[in-house]
C-alpha atoms as a PDB file:
ATOM      1  CA  UNK A   1      72.007 131.800 110.986  1.00  0.00           C
ATOM      2  CA  UNK A   2      75.677 132.499 111.419  1.00  0.00           C
ATOM      3  CA  UNK A   3      77.074 134.231 114.616  1.00  0.00           C
ATOM      4  CA  UNK A   4      77.830 137.338 112.548  1.00  0.00           C
ATOM      5  CA  UNK A   5      74.194 137.508 111.202  1.00  0.00           C
ATOM      6  CA  UNK A   6      72.857 137.090 114.667  1.00  0.00           C
ATOM      7  CA  UNK A   7      74.831 140.129 115.808  1.00  0.00           C
ATOM      8  CA  UNK A   8      73.684 142.341 112.955  1.00  0.00           C
ATOM      9  CA  UNK A   9      70.016 141.334 112.824  1.00  0.00           C
ATOM     10  CA  UNK A  10      68.854 143.123 116.145  1.00  0.00           C
ATOM     11  CA  UNK A  11      70.517 146.393 114.941  1.00  0.00           C
ATOM     12  CA  UNK A  12      68.809 146.223 111.570  1.00  0.00           C
ATOM     13  CA  UNK A  13      65.464 145.452 113.203  1.00  0.00           C
ATOM     14  CA  UNK A  14      65.843 148.519 115.374  1.00  0.00           C
ATOM     15  CA  UNK A  15      66.730 150.619 112.312  1.00  0.00           C
ATOM     16  CA  UNK A  16      63.662 149.658 110.472  1.00  0.00           C
ATOM     17  CA  UNK A  17      61.454 150.432 113.412  1.00  0.00           C
ATOM     18  CA  UNK A  18      62.523 154.104 113.748  1.00  0.00           C
ATOM     19  CA  UNK A  19      60.262 156.786 112.310  1.00  0.00           C
ATOM     20  CA  UNK A  20      61.225 158.769 109.163  1.00  0.00           C
ATOM     21  CA  UNK A  21      62.706 162.202 109.599  1.00  0.00           C
ATOM     22  CA  UNK A  22      60.955 164.669 107.243  1.00  0.00           C
ATOM     23  CA  UNK A  23      62.128 167.946 108.577  1.00  0.00           C
ATOM     24  CA  UNK A  24      64.630 169.631 110.870  1.00  0.00           C
ATOM     25  CA  UNK A  25      62.504 169.101 113.951  1.00  0.00           C
ATOM     26  CA  UNK A  26      62.554 165.355 113.273  1.00  0.00           C
ATOM     27  CA  UNK A  27      66.258 164.846 112.875  1.00  0.00           C
ATOM     28  CA  UNK A  28      67.735 162.012 114.922  1.00  0.00           C
ATOM     29  CA  UNK A  29      70.226 162.676 117.765  1.00  0.00           C
ATOM     30  CA  UNK A  30      73.672 163.759 116.537  1.00  0.00           C
ATOM     31  CA  UNK A  31      72.441 165.658 113.332  1.00  0.00           C
ATOM     32  CA  UNK A  32      71.903 169.376 112.910  1.00  0.00           C
ATOM     33  CA  UNK A  33      70.984 169.242 109.267  1.00  0.00           C
ATOM     34  CA  UNK A  34      70.660 166.736 106.411  1.00  0.00           C
ATOM     35  CA  UNK A  35      69.871 167.365 102.738  1.00  0.00           C
ATOM     36  CA  UNK A  36      70.692 166.490  99.167  1.00  0.00           C
ATOM     37  CA  UNK A  37      72.625 169.377  97.538  1.00  0.00           C
ATOM     38  CA  UNK A  38      71.380 170.903  94.257  1.00  0.00           C
ATOM     39  CA  UNK A  39      72.499 168.662  91.328  1.00  0.00           C
ATOM     40  CA  UNK A  40      74.588 170.089  88.524  1.00  0.00           C
ATOM     41  CA  UNK A  41      75.359 168.673  85.082  1.00  0.00           C
ATOM     42  CA  UNK A  42      78.669 166.693  84.672  1.00  0.00           C
ATOM     43  CA  UNK A  43      80.739 166.285  81.551  1.00  0.00           C
ATOM     44  CA  UNK A  44      79.413 162.705  81.362  1.00  0.00           C
ATOM     45  CA  UNK A  45      75.797 163.784  80.947  1.00  0.00           C
ATOM     46  CA  UNK A  46      74.881 162.758  84.543  1.00  0.00           C
ATOM     47  CA  UNK A  47      73.780 165.007  87.457  1.00  0.00           C
ATOM     48  CA  UNK A  48      76.161 165.400  90.381  1.00  0.00           C
ATOM     49  CA  UNK A  49      74.600 165.980  93.812  1.00  0.00           C
ATOM     50  CA  UNK A  50      75.633 164.991  97.274  1.00  0.00           C
ATOM     51  CA  UNK A  51      74.381 163.993 100.716  1.00  0.00           C
ATOM     52  CA  UNK A  52      75.309 166.801 103.100  1.00  0.00           C
ATOM     53  CA  UNK A  53      75.243 165.899 106.791  1.00  0.00           C
ATOM     54  CA  UNK A  54      76.144 168.353 109.592  1.00  0.00           C
ATOM     55  CA  UNK A  55      76.732 166.635 112.846  1.00  0.00           C
ATOM     56  CA  UNK A  56      76.656 167.863 116.466  1.00  0.00           C
ATOM     57  CA  UNK A  57      80.093 168.200 118.218  1.00  0.00           C
ATOM     58  CA  UNK A  58      81.572 164.878 119.151  1.00  0.00           C
ATOM     59  CA  UNK A  59      79.243 162.818 116.748  1.00  0.00           C
ATOM     60  CA  UNK A  60      80.353 160.751 113.863  1.00  0.00           C
ATOM     61  CA  UNK A  61      78.982 158.732 110.987  1.00  0.00           C
ATOM     62  CA  UNK A  62      80.574 155.946 108.844  1.00  0.00           C
ATOM     63  CA  UNK A  63      82.409 155.416 105.645  1.00  0.00           C
ATOM     64  CA  UNK A  64      81.123 152.694 103.223  1.00  0.00           C
ATOM     65  CA  UNK A  65      83.175 149.956 104.965  1.00  0.00           C
ATOM     66  CA  UNK A  66      83.408 151.182 108.639  1.00  0.00           C
ATOM     67  CA  UNK A  67      84.436 148.057 110.341  1.00  0.00           C
ATOM     68  CA  UNK A  68      82.565 145.219 112.225  1.00  0.00           C
ATOM     69  CA  UNK A  69      80.228 147.505 114.236  1.00  0.00           C
ATOM     70  CA  UNK A  70      79.344 150.463 111.940  1.00  0.00           C
ATOM     71  CA  UNK A  71      76.520 151.146 109.523  1.00  0.00           C
ATOM     72  CA  UNK A  72      77.429 153.141 106.378  1.00  0.00           C
ATOM     73  CA  UNK A  73      74.979 155.406 104.711  1.00  0.00           C
ATOM     74  CA  UNK A  74      72.681 153.573 102.397  1.00  0.00           C
ATOM     75  CA  UNK A  75      70.062 154.864  99.961  1.00  0.00           C
ATOM     76  CA  UNK A  76      66.542 153.869  98.872  1.00  0.00           C
ATOM     77  CA  UNK A  77      65.726 155.531  95.524  1.00  0.00           C
ATOM     78  CA  UNK A  78      62.378 153.824  95.003  1.00  0.00           C
ATOM     79  CA  UNK A  79      60.436 157.058  95.977  1.00  0.00           C
ATOM     80  CA  UNK A  80      62.391 159.294  93.568  1.00  0.00           C
ATOM     81  CA  UNK A  81      61.533 160.036  89.899  1.00  0.00           C
ATOM     82  CA  UNK A  82      63.712 160.449  86.861  1.00  0.00           C
ATOM     83  CA  UNK A  83      66.559 158.439  88.438  1.00  0.00           C
ATOM     84  CA  UNK A  84      67.808 155.226  86.663  1.00  0.00           C
ATOM     85  CA  UNK A  85      71.115 154.843  88.560  1.00  0.00           C
ATOM     86  CA  UNK A  86      73.071 156.467  91.488  1.00  0.00           C
ATOM     87  CA  UNK A  87      76.799 156.060  91.972  1.00  0.00           C
ATOM     88  CA  UNK A  88      78.447 157.143  95.378  1.00  0.00           C
ATOM     89  CA  UNK A  89      81.818 158.706  95.338  1.00  0.00           C
ATOM     90  CA  UNK A  90      83.206 158.276  98.776  1.00  0.00           C
ATOM     91  CA  UNK A  91      85.825 160.891 100.051  1.00  0.00           C
ATOM     92  CA  UNK A  92      88.682 159.662 102.164  1.00  0.00           C
ATOM     93  CA  UNK A  93      87.472 158.840 105.663  1.00  0.00           C
ATOM     94  CA  UNK A  94      89.106 159.636 108.987  1.00  0.00           C
ATOM     95  CA  UNK A  95      90.698 156.937 111.146  1.00  0.00           C
ATOM     96  CA  UNK A  96      88.576 156.936 114.370  1.00  0.00           C
ATOM     97  CA  UNK A  97      89.830 155.252 117.586  1.00  0.00           C
ATOM     98  CA  UNK A  98      86.977 154.482 119.948  1.00  0.00           C
ATOM     99  CA  UNK A  99      86.752 152.065 122.910  1.00  0.00           C
ATOM    100  CA  UNK A 100      89.855 150.204 121.618  1.00  0.00           C
ATOM    101  CA  UNK A 101      88.522 149.734 118.152  1.00  0.00           C
ATOM    102  CA  UNK A 102      89.480 151.412 114.937  1.00  0.00           C
ATOM    103  CA  UNK A 103      86.771 152.433 112.453  1.00  0.00           C
ATOM    104  CA  UNK A 104      86.598 154.576 109.387  1.00  0.00           C
ATOM    105  CA  UNK A 105      84.110 157.524 109.265  1.00  0.00           C
ATOM    106  CA  UNK A 106      83.576 161.264 109.486  1.00  0.00           C
ATOM    107  CA  UNK A 107      83.253 163.776 112.341  1.00  0.00           C
ATOM    108  CA  UNK A 108      81.450 167.128 112.249  1.00  0.00           C
ATOM    109  CA  UNK A 109      80.282 166.979 108.591  1.00  0.00           C
ATOM    110  CA  UNK A 110      80.089 164.833 105.531  1.00  0.00           C
ATOM    111  CA  UNK A 111      79.536 165.737 101.875  1.00  0.00           C
ATOM    112  CA  UNK A 112      79.125 162.442  99.951  1.00  0.00           C
ATOM    113  CA  UNK A 113      78.915 163.022  96.216  1.00  0.00           C
ATOM    114  CA  UNK A 114      76.311 161.000  94.253  1.00  0.00           C
ATOM    115  CA  UNK A 115      76.299 160.803  90.472  1.00  0.00           C
ATOM    116  CA  UNK A 116      72.786 160.415  89.124  1.00  0.00           C
ATOM    117  CA  UNK A 117      71.944 158.961  85.742  1.00  0.00           C
ATOM    118  CA  UNK A 118      68.521 160.515  84.757  1.00  0.00           C
ATOM    119  CA  UNK A 119      65.848 158.754  82.717  1.00  0.00           C
ATOM    120  CA  UNK A 120      65.130 162.068  80.990  1.00  0.00           C
ATOM    121  CA  UNK A 121      68.098 164.375  80.801  1.00  0.00           C
ATOM    122  CA  UNK A 122      67.277 167.899  81.619  1.00  0.00           C
ATOM    123  CA  UNK A 123      64.018 167.039  83.374  1.00  0.00           C
ATOM    124  CA  UNK A 124      63.792 167.666  87.081  1.00  0.00           C
ATOM    125  CA  UNK A 125      64.430 165.001  89.734  1.00  0.00           C
ATOM    126  CA  UNK A 126      61.327 164.355  91.766  1.00  0.00           C
ATOM    127  CA  UNK A 127      59.993 162.538  94.865  1.00  0.00           C
ATOM    128  CA  UNK A 128      61.940 161.658  98.036  1.00  0.00           C
ATOM    129  CA  UNK A 129      64.999 159.606  98.823  1.00  0.00           C
ATOM    130  CA  UNK A 130      65.338 157.284 101.955  1.00  0.00           C
ATOM    131  CA  UNK A 131      68.727 157.297 103.816  1.00  0.00           C
ATOM    132  CA  UNK A 132      69.739 154.818 106.485  1.00  0.00           C
ATOM    133  CA  UNK A 133      72.878 155.487 108.496  1.00  0.00           C
ATOM    134  CA  UNK A 134      74.536 155.028 111.825  1.00  0.00           C
ATOM    135  CA  UNK A 135      75.380 157.942 114.131  1.00  0.00           C
ATOM    136  CA  UNK A 136      77.734 157.681 117.018  1.00  0.00           C
ATOM    137  CA  UNK A 137      78.787 159.672 120.086  1.00  0.00           C
ATOM    138  CA  UNK A 138      79.657 157.408 123.110  1.00  0.00           C
ATOM    139  CA  UNK A 139      77.268 154.807 121.738  1.00  0.00           C
ATOM    140  CA  UNK A 140      75.884 154.293 118.146  1.00  0.00           C
ATOM    141  CA  UNK A 141      72.209 154.699 117.100  1.00  0.00           C
ATOM    142  CA  UNK A 142      70.576 153.846 113.823  1.00  0.00           C
ATOM    143  CA  UNK A 143      68.795 156.615 111.892  1.00  0.00           C
ATOM    144  CA  UNK A 144      66.409 156.718 108.877  1.00  0.00           C
ATOM    145  CA  UNK A 145      65.897 160.011 107.017  1.00  0.00           C
ATOM    146  CA  UNK A 146      63.592 160.840 104.148  1.00  0.00           C
ATOM    147  CA  UNK A 147      65.015 163.736 102.005  1.00  0.00           C
ATOM    148  CA  UNK A 148      63.579 165.664  99.018  1.00  0.00           C
ATOM    149  CA  UNK A 149      65.111 164.815  95.661  1.00  0.00           C
ATOM    150  CA  UNK A 150      67.738 167.489  94.763  1.00  0.00           C
ATOM    151  CA  UNK A 151      66.884 170.576  92.815  1.00  0.00           C
ATOM    152  CA  UNK A 152      68.803 171.193  89.629  1.00  0.00           C
ATOM    153  CA  UNK A 153      71.597 173.694  89.295  1.00  0.00           C
ATOM    154  CA  UNK A 154      73.595 175.176  86.418  1.00  0.00           C
ATOM    155  CA  UNK A 155      76.988 175.459  87.973  1.00  0.00           C
ATOM    156  CA  UNK A 156      79.192 173.055  89.999  1.00  0.00           C
ATOM    157  CA  UNK A 157      79.016 173.155  93.838  1.00  0.00           C
ATOM    158  CA  UNK A 158      82.454 173.958  95.350  1.00  0.00           C
ATOM    159  CA  UNK A 159      81.805 171.633  98.290  1.00  0.00           C
ATOM    160  CA  UNK A 160      80.954 168.687  96.042  1.00  0.00           C
ATOM    161  CA  UNK A 161      83.976 169.414  93.894  1.00  0.00           C
ATOM    162  CA  UNK A 162      86.189 169.410  96.978  1.00  0.00           C
ATOM    163  CA  UNK A 163      84.762 166.043  98.124  1.00  0.00           C
ATOM    164  CA  UNK A 164      85.356 164.536  94.681  1.00  0.00           C
ATOM    165  CA  UNK A 165      88.936 165.556  94.833  1.00  0.00           C
ATOM    166  CA  UNK A 166      89.290 163.581  98.109  1.00  0.00           C
ATOM    167  CA  UNK A 167      88.161 160.202  96.667  1.00  0.00           C
ATOM    168  CA  UNK A 168      90.891 157.555  97.201  1.00  0.00           C
ATOM    169  CA  UNK A 169      93.338 157.214  94.283  1.00  0.00           C
ATOM    170  CA  UNK A 170      92.962 154.041  92.284  1.00  0.00           C
ATOM    171  CA  UNK A 171      96.189 152.102  91.710  1.00  0.00           C
ATOM    172  CA  UNK A 172      97.015 150.156  88.529  1.00  0.00           C
ATOM    173  CA  UNK A 173      98.564 147.099  90.397  1.00  0.00           C
ATOM    174  CA  UNK A 174      96.449 143.976  91.164  1.00  0.00           C
ATOM    175  CA  UNK A 175      96.348 142.391  94.556  1.00  0.00           C
ATOM    176  CA  UNK A 176      98.144 139.274  95.512  1.00  0.00           C
ATOM    177  CA  UNK A 177      95.208 137.222  96.966  1.00  0.00           C
ATOM    178  CA  UNK A 178      95.271 133.969  98.899  1.00  0.00           C
ATOM    179  CA  UNK A 179      91.869 132.410  99.600  1.00  0.00           C
ATOM    180  CA  UNK A 180      91.150 129.535 101.994  1.00  0.00           C
ATOM    181  CA  UNK A 181      87.834 127.986 102.929  1.00  0.00           C
ATOM    182  CA  UNK A 182      86.371 128.498 106.538  1.00  0.00           C
ATOM    183  CA  UNK A 183      83.289 126.989 108.038  1.00  0.00           C
ATOM    184  CA  UNK A 184      80.886 129.789 107.063  1.00  0.00           C
ATOM    185  CA  UNK A 185      82.668 131.281 104.099  1.00  0.00           C
ATOM    186  CA  UNK A 186      86.221 132.256 103.001  1.00  0.00           C
ATOM    187  CA  UNK A 187      89.298 133.769 104.527  1.00  0.00           C
ATOM    188  CA  UNK A 188      91.006 136.190 102.105  1.00  0.00           C
ATOM    189  CA  UNK A 189      94.444 137.574 102.560  1.00  0.00           C
ATOM    190  CA  UNK A 190      95.613 140.287 100.077  1.00  0.00           C
ATOM    191  CA  UNK A 191      99.004 141.827  99.801  1.00  0.00           C
ATOM    192  CA  UNK A 192      99.962 145.216  98.260  1.00  0.00           C
ATOM    193  CA  UNK A 193     102.590 147.994  98.607  1.00  0.00           C
ATOM    194  CA  UNK A 194     102.525 149.337 102.175  1.00  0.00           C
ATOM    195  CA  UNK A 195     100.466 152.450 101.401  1.00  0.00           C
ATOM    196  CA  UNK A 196     100.478 156.145 101.419  1.00  0.00           C
ATOM    197  CA  UNK A 197     101.977 157.095 104.684  1.00  0.00           C
ATOM    198  CA  UNK A 198     102.315 156.293 108.413  1.00  0.00           C
ATOM    199  CA  UNK A 199      99.643 154.903 110.640  1.00  0.00           C
ATOM    200  CA  UNK A 200      97.825 153.012 107.960  1.00  0.00           C
ATOM    201  CA  UNK A 201      94.370 151.626 108.289  1.00  0.00           C
ATOM    202  CA  UNK A 202      92.882 149.132 105.797  1.00  0.00           C
ATOM    203  CA  UNK A 203      89.450 148.178 104.555  1.00  0.00           C
ATOM    204  CA  UNK A 204      88.878 144.992 102.628  1.00  0.00           C
ATOM    205  CA  UNK A 205      85.634 144.848 100.593  1.00  0.00           C
ATOM    206  CA  UNK A 206      83.726 142.825  97.946  1.00  0.00           C
ATOM    207  CA  UNK A 207      81.617 144.599  95.354  1.00  0.00           C
ATOM    208  CA  UNK A 208      78.676 142.287  96.109  1.00  0.00           C
ATOM    209  CA  UNK A 209      77.017 144.073  99.012  1.00  0.00           C
ATOM    210  CA  UNK A 210      75.501 140.860 100.133  1.00  0.00           C
ATOM    211  CA  UNK A 211      78.750 139.529 101.246  1.00  0.00           C
ATOM    212  CA  UNK A 212      79.723 140.418 104.775  1.00  0.00           C
ATOM    213  CA  UNK A 213      83.444 141.218 105.194  1.00  0.00           C
ATOM    214  CA  UNK A 214      85.057 141.414 108.726  1.00  0.00           C
ATOM    215  CA  UNK A 215      87.521 144.148 109.668  1.00  0.00           C
ATOM    216  CA  UNK A 216      90.959 143.110 108.454  1.00  0.00           C
ATOM    217  CA  UNK A 217      93.896 141.977 110.450  1.00  0.00           C
ATOM    218  CA  UNK A 218      96.955 143.850 109.179  1.00  0.00           C
ATOM    219  CA  UNK A 219     100.594 142.849 108.888  1.00  0.00           C
ATOM    220  CA  UNK A 220     103.482 144.756 107.324  1.00  0.00           C
ATOM    221  CA  UNK A 221     106.777 143.369 106.077  1.00  0.00           C
ATOM    222  CA  UNK A 222     109.406 144.372 103.532  1.00  0.00           C
ATOM    223  CA  UNK A 223     107.447 147.442 102.407  1.00  0.00           C
ATOM    224  CA  UNK A 224     104.324 145.551 101.790  1.00  0.00           C
ATOM    225  CA  UNK A 225     101.066 145.250 103.744  1.00  0.00           C
ATOM    226  CA  UNK A 226      98.841 142.177 104.059  1.00  0.00           C
ATOM    227  CA  UNK A 227      95.178 142.516 105.125  1.00  0.00           C
ATOM    228  CA  UNK A 228      93.173 139.434 106.063  1.00  0.00           C
ATOM    229  CA  UNK A 229      89.371 139.193 106.428  1.00  0.00           C
ATOM    230  CA  UNK A 230      86.622 136.678 106.505  1.00  0.00           C
ATOM    231  CA  UNK A 231      84.176 136.842 103.677  1.00  0.00           C
ATOM    232  CA  UNK A 232      80.677 135.484 104.493  1.00  0.00           C
ATOM    233  CA  UNK A 233      77.929 134.970 101.921  1.00  0.00           C
ATOM    234  CA  UNK A 234      74.147 134.726 102.814  1.00  0.00           C
ATOM    235  CA  UNK A 235      74.471 130.957 102.492  1.00  0.00           C
ATOM    236  CA  UNK A 236      76.752 130.848 105.430  1.00  0.00           C
ATOM    237  CA  UNK A 237      78.986 128.344 103.499  1.00  0.00           C
ATOM    238  CA  UNK A 238      82.209 128.522 101.330  1.00  0.00           C
ATOM    239  CA  UNK A 239      81.443 129.959  97.885  1.00  0.00           C
ATOM    240  CA  UNK A 240      83.167 130.698  94.560  1.00  0.00           C
ATOM    241  CA  UNK A 241      84.932 134.114  94.985  1.00  0.00           C
ATOM    242  CA  UNK A 242      84.749 136.722  92.168  1.00  0.00           C
ATOM    243  CA  UNK A 243      88.400 137.769  92.421  1.00  0.00           C
ATOM    244  CA  UNK A 244      87.814 140.851  90.307  1.00  0.00           C
ATOM    245  CA  UNK A 245      85.316 142.191  92.870  1.00  0.00           C
ATOM    246  CA  UNK A 246      87.949 142.203  95.792  1.00  0.00           C
ATOM    247  CA  UNK A 247      88.910 145.809  96.793  1.00  0.00           C
ATOM    248  CA  UNK A 248      91.526 147.008  99.277  1.00  0.00           C
ATOM    249  CA  UNK A 249      91.639 150.690 100.466  1.00  0.00           C
ATOM    250  CA  UNK A 250      94.581 151.940 102.545  1.00  0.00           C
ATOM    251  CA  UNK A 251      94.011 155.136 104.561  1.00  0.00           C
ATOM    252  CA  UNK A 252      96.781 156.934 106.482  1.00  0.00           C
ATOM    253  CA  UNK A 253      96.623 159.186 109.522  1.00  0.00           C
ATOM    254  CA  UNK A 254      97.321 162.363 107.460  1.00  0.00           C
ATOM    255  CA  UNK A 255      94.235 161.890 105.224  1.00  0.00           C
ATOM    256  CA  UNK A 256      95.741 160.221 102.241  1.00  0.00           C
ATOM    257  CA  UNK A 257      94.297 156.981 100.675  1.00  0.00           C
ATOM    258  CA  UNK A 258      94.891 154.614  97.747  1.00  0.00           C
ATOM    259  CA  UNK A 259      92.677 151.865  96.365  1.00  0.00           C
ATOM    260  CA  UNK A 260      93.381 148.549  94.689  1.00  0.00           C
ATOM    261  CA  UNK A 261      90.791 146.631  92.733  1.00  0.00           C
ATOM    262  CA  UNK A 262      90.936 142.881  91.770  1.00  0.00           C
ATOM    263  CA  UNK A 263      93.257 140.002  92.316  1.00  0.00           C
ATOM    264  CA  UNK A 264      96.143 139.052  90.097  1.00  0.00           C
ATOM    265  CA  UNK A 265      95.745 135.770  88.270  1.00  0.00           C
ATOM    266  CA  UNK A 266      96.960 132.683  90.072  1.00  0.00           C
END
């Protein structure tokens, strides 16, 4: 087991041991409400719902790639019916400074749009959905919710539409990627234009959720930014990197964000 795995394992064990929250009285510390918003039909023939979280003052939750110590919302759809696929559309996160560390997440509230592909279009969505997430005030605690599948609506939800408008903007350019082997994986350095504004934070990711990626070290020079992270696969050894699956998101302090997907050939 790698050092990184050893750090994460106790947190996940605590997470799985917590009871499910099935109603408002069972909500974990930090949350005042949690639900899946009514799903409305999209132009693509899917249903658009969202996870809506309302947090107590001073509490936060995490973006999909929060940093070394955060746990982003994750979903278990096995208990829900009429759902063949679910795609998350993450709105731009906040840059959060805490205890000398910088993470990406959300204070006060989160509306996380979820695009659902139904097995039977027009039929209701049934069952319940499991949600795992991290919640933080001065310390972070794991939480596990069980929410009813969303009801169906005829018209778009303004809150979901506003959240969709805040998704980081994809950029056409490919990343300049440099990959070197390390003892338990790969060190990946990517370079892109410096980003949307001042006080830029970066998140470097891989589309394979089984690959752990460290918080990047950032350097800026000549109008370009370089983010460097360690990529560690479950094997704990160097591996063949899918360069098309590398993603860089740059977030600025004013709430703007851009996203690059894939490495340039070479």
